[in-house]
Amino acid sequence: MGYSVDDKCRKLSKNAEAAAIITEYSPGFTTDPQMKMVMGLTLRKLASFPQAKELADHLDEIDARLKAIED
C-alpha cells in the first residue's frame, strides 16, 4: 500500500509508524485538538502553511520515510 506526503493527514494518523515519523517534525500531530481541522488535508498541503515550516523543511525526507513503511 505505502504512504506518502500526498496522503491525507487522517490516513497517516491512523498508522502508528507514519504518525510517529510526522510527530518527530510536528509534535502534537496526533494529540493536539487543533489538528482535527486539518485531517482532510494532505501532508504536503499542511506543510504549505507558515505554522508547519518544520514539515516543509523536511518534506522530501518525510516522504522517503513514509514510502519505506511496509504494511
Protein backbone atom coordinates (compact mmCIF):
# COMPACT_ATOMS: atom_id res chain seq x y z
CA MET A 1 0.00 0.00 0.00
CA GLY A 2 2.58 2.57 1.09
CA TYR A 3 2.27 6.11 2.31
CA SER A 4 3.46 9.50 1.11
CA VAL A 5 3.18 13.21 1.81
CA ASP A 6 0.34 13.22 -0.73
CA ASP A 7 -1.85 11.16 1.60
CA LYS A 8 -4.37 12.89 3.81
CA CYS A 9 -3.33 13.51 7.38
CA ARG A 10 -6.27 11.39 8.58
CA LYS A 11 -4.88 8.31 6.79
CA LEU A 12 -1.36 8.97 8.08
CA SER A 13 -2.56 9.47 11.65
CA LYS A 14 -4.17 6.01 11.65
CA ASN A 15 -0.84 4.26 11.03
CA ALA A 16 1.33 4.27 14.16
CA GLU A 17 4.62 4.27 12.25
CA ALA A 18 3.57 7.07 9.89
CA ALA A 19 2.20 9.14 12.77
CA ALA A 20 5.44 8.68 14.73
CA ILE A 21 7.50 9.92 11.78
CA ILE A 22 5.36 13.03 11.37
CA THR A 23 5.32 13.69 15.12
CA GLU A 24 9.12 13.96 15.04
CA TYR A 25 8.72 17.08 12.88
CA SER A 26 5.33 18.24 14.14
CA PRO A 27 4.89 17.46 17.85
CA GLY A 28 1.24 17.06 18.68
CA PHE A 29 0.32 15.65 15.27
CA THR A 30 -1.93 13.05 16.88
CA THR A 31 -2.62 14.75 20.22
CA ASP A 32 -3.28 18.44 19.51
CA PRO A 33 -7.06 19.01 19.25
CA GLN A 34 -6.49 21.71 16.61
CA MET A 35 -5.12 19.06 14.24
CA LYS A 36 -8.69 17.80 13.74
CA MET A 37 -9.23 20.80 11.48
CA VAL A 38 -6.53 19.72 9.02
CA MET A 39 -7.06 15.95 8.90
CA GLY A 40 -8.74 16.31 5.49
CA LEU A 41 -5.63 17.93 4.00
CA THR A 42 -2.67 16.11 2.52
CA LEU A 43 0.55 16.38 4.46
CA ARG A 44 2.04 18.29 1.51
CA LYS A 45 -0.77 20.88 1.74
CA LEU A 46 -0.38 21.13 5.51
CA ALA A 47 3.34 21.78 5.04
CA SER A 48 2.50 24.79 2.87
CA PHE A 49 1.19 26.71 5.88
CA PRO A 50 3.66 29.01 7.67
CA GLN A 51 3.00 27.27 11.00
CA ALA A 52 4.28 23.99 9.53
CA LYS A 53 7.73 25.22 8.50
CA GLU A 54 9.45 22.26 10.14
CA LEU A 55 7.41 19.89 7.99
CA ALA A 56 8.12 21.91 4.86
CA ASP A 57 11.86 21.96 5.55
CA HIS A 58 11.94 18.15 5.74
CA LEU A 59 9.19 17.18 3.31
CA ASP A 60 11.40 15.10 1.00
CA GLU A 61 12.92 13.23 3.95
CA ILE A 62 9.48 12.59 5.45
CA ASP A 63 8.17 11.38 2.09
CA ALA A 64 11.03 8.90 1.72
CA ARG A 65 10.47 7.59 5.25
CA LEU A 66 6.73 7.25 4.69
CA LYS A 67 7.26 5.40 1.42
CA ALA A 68 9.52 2.93 3.24
CA ILE A 69 6.72 1.83 5.56
CA GLU A 70 5.58 -1.69 4.81
CA ASP A 71 2.04 -2.76 5.63
